[in-house]
Amino acid sequence: MNKTFMSGYYQGVVEVAPASLSAAKVEELAVTMTIQHLRHAGVAITTIHDFLVDDLHADVRLVSRYINCDADQLETAQAKILAGAFAKK
């Protein structure tokens, strides 16, 4: 999988994220979704980590928090972020 495709996936998540999310939550959503997508595609965890941190300059703490999560944990994190976007305030 090339870096252009991987960057496009991340950027696509950022662009379609609900407008009500903060920048930090958009980044968290993009990180979790990109990790999940690339793991499904068979990309090595170290490659995903290095790509997110070195190439996209994602927050290293976010990447470290989610890099070893399984699909259920990543989906739960994504659901919580999205639920927050649509919660009445």
PDB file of N, CA and C in Angstrom:
ATOM      1  N   MET A   1       0.858  -1.169   0.000  1.00  0.00           N
ATOM      2  CA  MET A   1       0.000   0.000   0.000  1.00  0.00           C
ATOM      3  C   MET A   1       0.902   1.230   0.000  1.00  0.00           C
ATOM      4  N   ASN A   2       0.640   2.148  -0.909  1.00  0.00           N
ATOM      5  CA  ASN A   2       1.527   3.301  -1.002  1.00  0.00           C
ATOM      6  C   ASN A   2       1.080   4.444  -0.094  1.00  0.00           C
ATOM      7  N   LYS A   3       2.015   5.354   0.150  1.00  0.00           N
ATOM      8  CA  LYS A   3       1.750   6.453   1.077  1.00  0.00           C
ATOM      9  C   LYS A   3       0.695   7.418   0.547  1.00  0.00           C
ATOM     10  N   THR A   4       0.592   7.553  -0.743  1.00  0.00           N
ATOM     11  CA  THR A   4      -0.422   8.440  -1.314  1.00  0.00           C
ATOM     12  C   THR A   4      -1.815   7.935  -0.973  1.00  0.00           C
ATOM     13  N   PHE A   5      -2.025   6.631  -1.131  1.00  0.00           N
ATOM     14  CA  PHE A   5      -3.316   6.050  -0.796  1.00  0.00           C
ATOM     15  C   PHE A   5      -3.585   6.194   0.701  1.00  0.00           C
ATOM     16  N   MET A   6      -2.603   5.878   1.518  1.00  0.00           N
ATOM     17  CA  MET A   6      -2.787   5.950   2.971  1.00  0.00           C
ATOM     18  C   MET A   6      -3.064   7.389   3.408  1.00  0.00           C
ATOM     19  N   SER A   7      -2.362   8.342   2.827  1.00  0.00           N
ATOM     20  CA  SER A   7      -2.597   9.758   3.152  1.00  0.00           C
ATOM     21  C   SER A   7      -3.996  10.180   2.727  1.00  0.00           C
ATOM     22  N   GLY A   8      -4.428   9.703   1.571  1.00  0.00           N
ATOM     23  CA  GLY A   8      -5.754  10.038   1.078  1.00  0.00           C
ATOM     24  C   GLY A   8      -6.848   9.518   1.978  1.00  0.00           C
ATOM     25  N   TYR A   9      -6.662   8.323   2.515  1.00  0.00           N
ATOM     26  CA  TYR A   9      -7.664   7.766   3.426  1.00  0.00           C
ATOM     27  C   TYR A   9      -7.781   8.654   4.668  1.00  0.00           C
ATOM     28  N   TYR A  10      -6.640   8.983   5.268  1.00  0.00           N
ATOM     29  CA  TYR A  10      -6.613   9.828   6.469  1.00  0.00           C
ATOM     30  C   TYR A  10      -7.283  11.171   6.171  1.00  0.00           C
ATOM     31  N   GLN A  11      -6.885  11.806   5.070  1.00  0.00           N
ATOM     32  CA  GLN A  11      -7.427  13.113   4.713  1.00  0.00           C
ATOM     33  C   GLN A  11      -8.927  13.027   4.438  1.00  0.00           C
ATOM     34  N   GLY A  12      -9.363  11.931   3.841  1.00  0.00           N
ATOM     35  CA  GLY A  12     -10.786  11.744   3.592  1.00  0.00           C
ATOM     36  C   GLY A  12     -11.595  11.713   4.873  1.00  0.00           C
ATOM     37  N   VAL A  13     -11.068  11.052   5.878  1.00  0.00           N
ATOM     38  CA  VAL A  13     -11.753  11.020   7.181  1.00  0.00           C
ATOM     39  C   VAL A  13     -11.845  12.427   7.751  1.00  0.00           C
ATOM     40  N   VAL A  14     -10.752  13.163   7.675  1.00  0.00           N
ATOM     41  CA  VAL A  14     -10.728  14.536   8.196  1.00  0.00           C
ATOM     42  C   VAL A  14     -11.779  15.390   7.483  1.00  0.00           C
ATOM     43  N   GLU A  15     -11.858  15.240   6.178  1.00  0.00           N
ATOM     44  CA  GLU A  15     -12.767  16.083   5.397  1.00  0.00           C
ATOM     45  C   GLU A  15     -14.238  15.771   5.611  1.00  0.00           C
ATOM     46  N   VAL A  16     -14.581  14.541   5.933  1.00  0.00           N
ATOM     47  CA  VAL A  16     -15.993  14.194   6.103  1.00  0.00           C
ATOM     48  C   VAL A  16     -16.419  14.110   7.571  1.00  0.00           C
ATOM     49  N   ALA A  17     -15.521  14.396   8.480  1.00  0.00           N
ATOM     50  CA  ALA A  17     -15.862  14.368   9.908  1.00  0.00           C
ATOM     51  C   ALA A  17     -16.927  15.436  10.192  1.00  0.00           C
ATOM     52  N   PRO A  18     -17.821  15.147  11.113  1.00  0.00           N
ATOM     53  CA  PRO A  18     -18.850  16.136  11.459  1.00  0.00           C
ATOM     54  C   PRO A  18     -18.229  17.469  11.884  1.00  0.00           C
ATOM     55  N   ALA A  19     -18.823  18.546  11.433  1.00  0.00           N
ATOM     56  CA  ALA A  19     -18.303  19.883  11.731  1.00  0.00           C
ATOM     57  C   ALA A  19     -18.350  20.216  13.216  1.00  0.00           C
ATOM     58  N   SER A  20     -19.191  19.523  13.960  1.00  0.00           N
ATOM     59  CA  SER A  20     -19.320  19.814  15.387  1.00  0.00           C
ATOM     60  C   SER A  20     -18.170  19.242  16.218  1.00  0.00           C
ATOM     61  N   LEU A  21     -17.303  18.440  15.603  1.00  0.00           N
ATOM     62  CA  LEU A  21     -16.163  17.882  16.338  1.00  0.00           C
ATOM     63  C   LEU A  21     -15.034  18.903  16.431  1.00  0.00           C
ATOM     64  N   SER A  22     -14.348  18.891  17.560  1.00  0.00           N
ATOM     65  CA  SER A  22     -13.163  19.734  17.702  1.00  0.00           C
ATOM     66  C   SER A  22     -12.047  19.177  16.828  1.00  0.00           C
ATOM     67  N   ALA A  23     -11.042  19.969  16.592  1.00  0.00           N
ATOM     68  CA  ALA A  23      -9.896  19.519  15.790  1.00  0.00           C
ATOM     69  C   ALA A  23      -9.245  18.296  16.427  1.00  0.00           C
ATOM     70  N   ALA A  24      -9.163  18.280  17.752  1.00  0.00           N
ATOM     71  CA  ALA A  24      -8.548  17.143  18.451  1.00  0.00           C
ATOM     72  C   ALA A  24      -9.364  15.868  18.238  1.00  0.00           C
ATOM     73  N   LYS A  25     -10.680  15.992  18.281  1.00  0.00           N
ATOM     74  CA  LYS A  25     -11.540  14.817  18.078  1.00  0.00           C
ATOM     75  C   LYS A  25     -11.504  14.345  16.626  1.00  0.00           C
ATOM     76  N   VAL A  26     -11.386  15.281  15.691  1.00  0.00           N
ATOM     77  CA  VAL A  26     -11.259  14.899  14.289  1.00  0.00           C
ATOM     78  C   VAL A  26      -9.970  14.116  14.092  1.00  0.00           C
ATOM     79  N   GLU A  27      -8.893  14.577  14.690  1.00  0.00           N
ATOM     80  CA  GLU A  27      -7.625  13.852  14.579  1.00  0.00           C
ATOM     81  C   GLU A  27      -7.736  12.472  15.217  1.00  0.00           C
ATOM     82  N   GLU A  28      -8.368  12.388  16.364  1.00  0.00           N
ATOM     83  CA  GLU A  28      -8.538  11.098  17.035  1.00  0.00           C
ATOM     84  C   GLU A  28      -9.356  10.144  16.164  1.00  0.00           C
ATOM     85  N   LEU A  29     -10.421  10.648  15.562  1.00  0.00           N
ATOM     86  CA  LEU A  29     -11.231   9.829  14.669  1.00  0.00           C
ATOM     87  C   LEU A  29     -10.408   9.367  13.468  1.00  0.00           C
ATOM     88  N   ALA A  30      -9.652  10.272  12.874  1.00  0.00           N
ATOM     89  CA  ALA A  30      -8.839   9.922  11.705  1.00  0.00           C
ATOM     90  C   ALA A  30      -7.768   8.902  12.053  1.00  0.00           C
ATOM     91  N   VAL A  31      -7.152   9.043  13.196  1.00  0.00           N
ATOM     92  CA  VAL A  31      -6.121   8.088  13.625  1.00  0.00           C
ATOM     93  C   VAL A  31      -6.734   6.708  13.836  1.00  0.00           C
ATOM     94  N   THR A  32      -7.848   6.642  14.554  1.00  0.00           N
ATOM     95  CA  THR A  32      -8.449   5.330  14.829  1.00  0.00           C
ATOM     96  C   THR A  32      -8.942   4.663  13.550  1.00  0.00           C
ATOM     97  N   MET A  33      -9.542   5.429  12.673  1.00  0.00           N
ATOM     98  CA  MET A  33     -10.058   4.849  11.434  1.00  0.00           C
ATOM     99  C   MET A  33      -8.927   4.415  10.504  1.00  0.00           C
ATOM    100  N   THR A  34      -7.862   5.193  10.454  1.00  0.00           N
ATOM    101  CA  THR A  34      -6.725   4.843   9.604  1.00  0.00           C
ATOM    102  C   THR A  34      -6.031   3.595  10.128  1.00  0.00           C
ATOM    103  N   ILE A  35      -5.841   3.510  11.432  1.00  0.00           N
ATOM    104  CA  ILE A  35      -5.233   2.304  12.016  1.00  0.00           C
ATOM    105  C   ILE A  35      -6.080   1.086  11.669  1.00  0.00           C
ATOM    106  N   GLN A  36      -7.372   1.191  11.880  1.00  0.00           N
ATOM    107  CA  GLN A  36      -8.249   0.056  11.607  1.00  0.00           C
ATOM    108  C   GLN A  36      -8.211  -0.333  10.131  1.00  0.00           C
ATOM    109  N   HIS A  37      -8.300   0.633   9.252  1.00  0.00           N
ATOM    110  CA  HIS A  37      -8.305   0.369   7.813  1.00  0.00           C
ATOM    111  C   HIS A  37      -6.993  -0.289   7.371  1.00  0.00           C
ATOM    112  N   LEU A  38      -5.881   0.239   7.828  1.00  0.00           N
ATOM    113  CA  LEU A  38      -4.588  -0.294   7.396  1.00  0.00           C
ATOM    114  C   LEU A  38      -4.302  -1.662   8.005  1.00  0.00           C
ATOM    115  N   ARG A  39      -4.784  -1.893   9.213  1.00  0.00           N
ATOM    116  CA  ARG A  39      -4.617  -3.226   9.797  1.00  0.00           C
ATOM    117  C   ARG A  39      -5.429  -4.247   9.027  1.00  0.00           C
ATOM    118  N   HIS A  40      -6.651  -3.881   8.615  1.00  0.00           N
ATOM    119  CA  HIS A  40      -7.471  -4.781   7.783  1.00  0.00           C
ATOM    120  C   HIS A  40      -6.781  -5.081   6.454  1.00  0.00           C
ATOM    121  N   ALA A  41      -6.024  -4.116   5.968  1.00  0.00           N
ATOM    122  CA  ALA A  41      -5.320  -4.283   4.691  1.00  0.00           C
ATOM    123  C   ALA A  41      -4.015  -5.059   4.840  1.00  0.00           C
ATOM    124  N   GLY A  42      -3.673  -5.416   6.081  1.00  0.00           N
ATOM    125  CA  GLY A  42      -2.482  -6.225   6.321  1.00  0.00           C
ATOM    126  C   GLY A  42      -1.194  -5.447   6.471  1.00  0.00           C
ATOM    127  N   VAL A  43      -1.296  -4.150   6.706  1.00  0.00           N
ATOM    128  CA  VAL A  43      -0.104  -3.330   6.897  1.00  0.00           C
ATOM    129  C   VAL A  43       0.435  -3.576   8.308  1.00  0.00           C
ATOM    130  N   ALA A  44       1.744  -3.708   8.426  1.00  0.00           N
ATOM    131  CA  ALA A  44       2.385  -3.963   9.721  1.00  0.00           C
ATOM    132  C   ALA A  44       2.173  -2.792  10.674  1.00  0.00           C
ATOM    133  N   ILE A  45       2.027  -3.117  11.953  1.00  0.00           N
ATOM    134  CA  ILE A  45       1.787  -2.100  12.976  1.00  0.00           C
ATOM    135  C   ILE A  45       2.899  -1.057  12.989  1.00  0.00           C
ATOM    136  N   THR A  46       4.146  -1.488  12.874  1.00  0.00           N
ATOM    137  CA  THR A  46       5.253  -0.522  12.888  1.00  0.00           C
ATOM    138  C   THR A  46       5.183   0.419  11.692  1.00  0.00           C
ATOM    139  N   THR A  47       4.756  -0.090  10.554  1.00  0.00           N
ATOM    140  CA  THR A  47       4.608   0.747   9.364  1.00  0.00           C
ATOM    141  C   THR A  47       3.494   1.767   9.566  1.00  0.00           C
ATOM    142  N   ILE A  48       2.381   1.329  10.150  1.00  0.00           N
ATOM    143  CA  ILE A  48       1.264   2.237  10.427  1.00  0.00           C
ATOM    144  C   ILE A  48       1.713   3.330  11.390  1.00  0.00           C
ATOM    145  N   HIS A  49       2.365   2.933  12.465  1.00  0.00           N
ATOM    146  CA  HIS A  49       2.846   3.894  13.459  1.00  0.00           C
ATOM    147  C   HIS A  49       3.766   4.924  12.812  1.00  0.00           C
ATOM    148  N   ASP A  50       4.772   4.444  12.094  1.00  0.00           N
ATOM    149  CA  ASP A  50       5.739   5.361  11.480  1.00  0.00           C
ATOM    150  C   ASP A  50       5.076   6.276  10.463  1.00  0.00           C
ATOM    151  N   PHE A  51       4.146   5.749   9.698  1.00  0.00           N
ATOM    152  CA  PHE A  51       3.432   6.553   8.711  1.00  0.00           C
ATOM    153  C   PHE A  51       2.646   7.677   9.394  1.00  0.00           C
ATOM    154  N   LEU A  52       1.862   7.323  10.416  1.00  0.00           N
ATOM    155  CA  LEU A  52       1.052   8.326  11.098  1.00  0.00           C
ATOM    156  C   LEU A  52       1.905   9.384  11.790  1.00  0.00           C
ATOM    157  N   VAL A  53       2.948   8.951  12.469  1.00  0.00           N
ATOM    158  CA  VAL A  53       3.765   9.885  13.249  1.00  0.00           C
ATOM    159  C   VAL A  53       4.750  10.656  12.366  1.00  0.00           C
ATOM    160  N   ASP A  54       5.485   9.946  11.520  1.00  0.00           N
ATOM    161  CA  ASP A  54       6.552  10.585  10.746  1.00  0.00           C
ATOM    162  C   ASP A  54       6.048  11.292   9.492  1.00  0.00           C
ATOM    163  N   ASP A  55       5.103  10.676   8.796  1.00  0.00           N
ATOM    164  CA  ASP A  55       4.639  11.248   7.532  1.00  0.00           C
ATOM    165  C   ASP A  55       3.475  12.221   7.709  1.00  0.00           C
ATOM    166  N   LEU A  56       2.505  11.852   8.515  1.00  0.00           N
ATOM    167  CA  LEU A  56       1.332  12.712   8.704  1.00  0.00           C
ATOM    168  C   LEU A  56       1.444  13.625   9.918  1.00  0.00           C
ATOM    169  N   HIS A  57       2.425  13.391  10.748  1.00  0.00           N
ATOM    170  CA  HIS A  57       2.651  14.191  11.959  1.00  0.00           C
ATOM    171  C   HIS A  57       1.455  14.158  12.905  1.00  0.00           C
ATOM    172  N   ALA A  58       0.824  12.989  12.995  1.00  0.00           N
ATOM    173  CA  ALA A  58      -0.267  12.797  13.945  1.00  0.00           C
ATOM    174  C   ALA A  58       0.307  12.806  15.360  1.00  0.00           C
ATOM    175  N   ASP A  59      -0.532  13.138  16.297  1.00  0.00           N
ATOM    176  CA  ASP A  59      -0.128  13.180  17.708  1.00  0.00           C
ATOM    177  C   ASP A  59       0.355  11.802  18.143  1.00  0.00           C
ATOM    178  N   VAL A  60       1.600  11.737  18.556  1.00  0.00           N
ATOM    179  CA  VAL A  60       2.213  10.452  18.924  1.00  0.00           C
ATOM    180  C   VAL A  60       1.473   9.793  20.084  1.00  0.00           C
ATOM    181  N   ARG A  61       0.905  10.585  20.978  1.00  0.00           N
ATOM    182  CA  ARG A  61       0.161  10.011  22.107  1.00  0.00           C
ATOM    183  C   ARG A  61      -1.111   9.314  21.633  1.00  0.00           C
ATOM    184  N   LEU A  62      -1.795   9.918  20.663  1.00  0.00           N
ATOM    185  CA  LEU A  62      -2.990   9.278  20.105  1.00  0.00           C
ATOM    186  C   LEU A  62      -2.626   7.975  19.403  1.00  0.00           C
ATOM    187  N   VAL A  63      -1.594   8.030  18.589  1.00  0.00           N
ATOM    188  CA  VAL A  63      -1.171   6.832  17.869  1.00  0.00           C
ATOM    189  C   VAL A  63      -0.795   5.739  18.854  1.00  0.00           C
ATOM    190  N   SER A  64      -0.042   6.091  19.876  1.00  0.00           N
ATOM    191  CA  SER A  64       0.382   5.104  20.875  1.00  0.00           C
ATOM    192  C   SER A  64      -0.803   4.528  21.633  1.00  0.00           C
ATOM    193  N   ARG A  65      -1.818   5.352  21.878  1.00  0.00           N
ATOM    194  CA  ARG A  65      -2.995   4.895  22.617  1.00  0.00           C
ATOM    195  C   ARG A  65      -3.778   3.843  21.816  1.00  0.00           C
ATOM    196  N   TYR A  66      -3.821   3.988  20.504  1.00  0.00           N
ATOM    197  CA  TYR A  66      -4.690   3.148  19.693  1.00  0.00           C
ATOM    198  C   TYR A  66      -3.991   2.093  18.837  1.00  0.00           C
ATOM    199  N   ILE A  67      -2.685   2.161  18.697  1.00  0.00           N
ATOM    200  CA  ILE A  67      -1.991   1.303  17.731  1.00  0.00           C
ATOM    201  C   ILE A  67      -2.155  -0.187  18.033  1.00  0.00           C
ATOM    202  N   ASN A  68      -2.279  -0.563  19.276  1.00  0.00           N
ATOM    203  CA  ASN A  68      -2.398  -1.976  19.627  1.00  0.00           C
ATOM    204  C   ASN A  68      -3.826  -2.421  19.929  1.00  0.00           C
ATOM    205  N   CYS A  69      -4.786  -1.549  19.685  1.00  0.00           N
ATOM    206  CA  CYS A  69      -6.187  -1.903  19.926  1.00  0.00           C
ATOM    207  C   CYS A  69      -6.679  -2.863  18.848  1.00  0.00           C
ATOM    208  N   ASP A  70      -7.611  -3.722  19.233  1.00  0.00           N
ATOM    209  CA  ASP A  70      -8.217  -4.606  18.234  1.00  0.00           C
ATOM    210  C   ASP A  70      -9.373  -3.866  17.551  1.00  0.00           C
ATOM    211  N   ALA A  71      -9.981  -4.505  16.566  1.00  0.00           N
ATOM    212  CA  ALA A  71     -11.030  -3.860  15.773  1.00  0.00           C
ATOM    213  C   ALA A  71     -12.198  -3.403  16.646  1.00  0.00           C
ATOM    214  N   ASP A  72     -12.602  -4.209  17.608  1.00  0.00           N
ATOM    215  CA  ASP A  72     -13.720  -3.829  18.475  1.00  0.00           C
ATOM    216  C   ASP A  72     -13.399  -2.578  19.286  1.00  0.00           C
ATOM    217  N   GLN A  73     -12.198  -2.516  19.811  1.00  0.00           N
ATOM    218  CA  GLN A  73     -11.794  -1.347  20.594  1.00  0.00           C
ATOM    219  C   GLN A  73     -11.732  -0.089  19.724  1.00  0.00           C
ATOM    220  N   LEU A  74     -11.220  -0.237  18.513  1.00  0.00           N
ATOM    221  CA  LEU A  74     -11.163   0.909  17.604  1.00  0.00           C
ATOM    222  C   LEU A  74     -12.555   1.375  17.206  1.00  0.00           C
ATOM    223  N   GLU A  75     -13.437   0.435  16.933  1.00  0.00           N
ATOM    224  CA  GLU A  75     -14.814   0.785  16.568  1.00  0.00           C
ATOM    225  C   GLU A  75     -15.546   1.443  17.733  1.00  0.00           C
ATOM    226  N   THR A  76     -15.290   0.983  18.942  1.00  0.00           N
ATOM    227  CA  THR A  76     -15.903   1.596  20.121  1.00  0.00           C
ATOM    228  C   THR A  76     -15.423   3.030  20.294  1.00  0.00           C
ATOM    229  N   ALA A  77     -14.130   3.250  20.123  1.00  0.00           N
ATOM    230  CA  ALA A  77     -13.581   4.608  20.226  1.00  0.00           C
ATOM    231  C   ALA A  77     -14.201   5.518  19.168  1.00  0.00           C
ATOM    232  N   GLN A  78     -14.320   5.013  17.943  1.00  0.00           N
ATOM    233  CA  GLN A  78     -14.920   5.799  16.861  1.00  0.00           C
ATOM    234  C   GLN A  78     -16.374   6.129  17.174  1.00  0.00           C
ATOM    235  N   ALA A  79     -17.107   5.154  17.677  1.00  0.00           N
ATOM    236  CA  ALA A  79     -18.520   5.363  18.005  1.00  0.00           C
ATOM    237  C   ALA A  79     -18.680   6.428  19.089  1.00  0.00           C
ATOM    238  N   LYS A  80     -17.807   6.417  20.088  1.00  0.00           N
ATOM    239  CA  LYS A  80     -17.873   7.416  21.159  1.00  0.00           C
ATOM    240  C   LYS A  80     -17.592   8.811  20.619  1.00  0.00           C
ATOM    241  N   ILE A  81     -16.624   8.921  19.737  1.00  0.00           N
ATOM    242  CA  ILE A  81     -16.301  10.218  19.147  1.00  0.00           C
ATOM    243  C   ILE A  81     -17.488  10.731  18.343  1.00  0.00           C
ATOM    244  N   LEU A  82     -18.041   9.880  17.495  1.00  0.00           N
ATOM    245  CA  LEU A  82     -19.169  10.292  16.658  1.00  0.00           C
ATOM    246  C   LEU A  82     -20.420  10.579  17.484  1.00  0.00           C
ATOM    247  N   ALA A  83     -20.645   9.816  18.542  1.00  0.00           N
ATOM    248  CA  ALA A  83     -21.794  10.082  19.412  1.00  0.00           C
ATOM    249  C   ALA A  83     -21.678  11.460  20.044  1.00  0.00           C
ATOM    250  N   GLY A  84     -20.467  11.822  20.416  1.00  0.00           N
ATOM    251  CA  GLY A  84     -20.233  13.148  20.985  1.00  0.00           C
ATOM    252  C   GLY A  84     -20.525  14.269  20.010  1.00  0.00           C
ATOM    253  N   ALA A  85     -20.336  13.996  18.737  1.00  0.00           N
ATOM    254  CA  ALA A  85     -20.584  15.008  17.715  1.00  0.00           C
ATOM    255  C   ALA A  85     -22.069  15.322  17.574  1.00  0.00           C
ATOM    256  N   PHE A  86     -22.909  14.339  17.902  1.00  0.00           N
ATOM    257  CA  PHE A  86     -24.337  14.520  17.707  1.00  0.00           C
ATOM    258  C   PHE A  86     -25.122  14.638  19.011  1.00  0.00           C
ATOM    259  N   ALA A  87     -24.419  14.693  20.129  1.00  0.00           N
ATOM    260  CA  ALA A  87     -25.080  14.823  21.431  1.00  0.00           C
ATOM    261  C   ALA A  87     -25.632  16.231  21.579  1.00  0.00           C
ATOM    262  N   LYS A  88     -26.799  16.335  22.167  1.00  0.00           N
ATOM    263  CA  LYS A  88     -27.392  17.641  22.430  1.00  0.00           C
ATOM    264  C   LYS A  88     -26.612  18.324  23.539  1.00  0.00           C
ATOM    265  N   LYS A  89     -26.373  19.598  23.342  1.00  0.00           N
ATOM    266  CA  LYS A  89     -25.600  20.355  24.356  1.00  0.00           C
ATOM    267  C   LYS A  89     -26.430  21.412  24.980  1.00  0.00           C
TER     268      LYS A  89
END
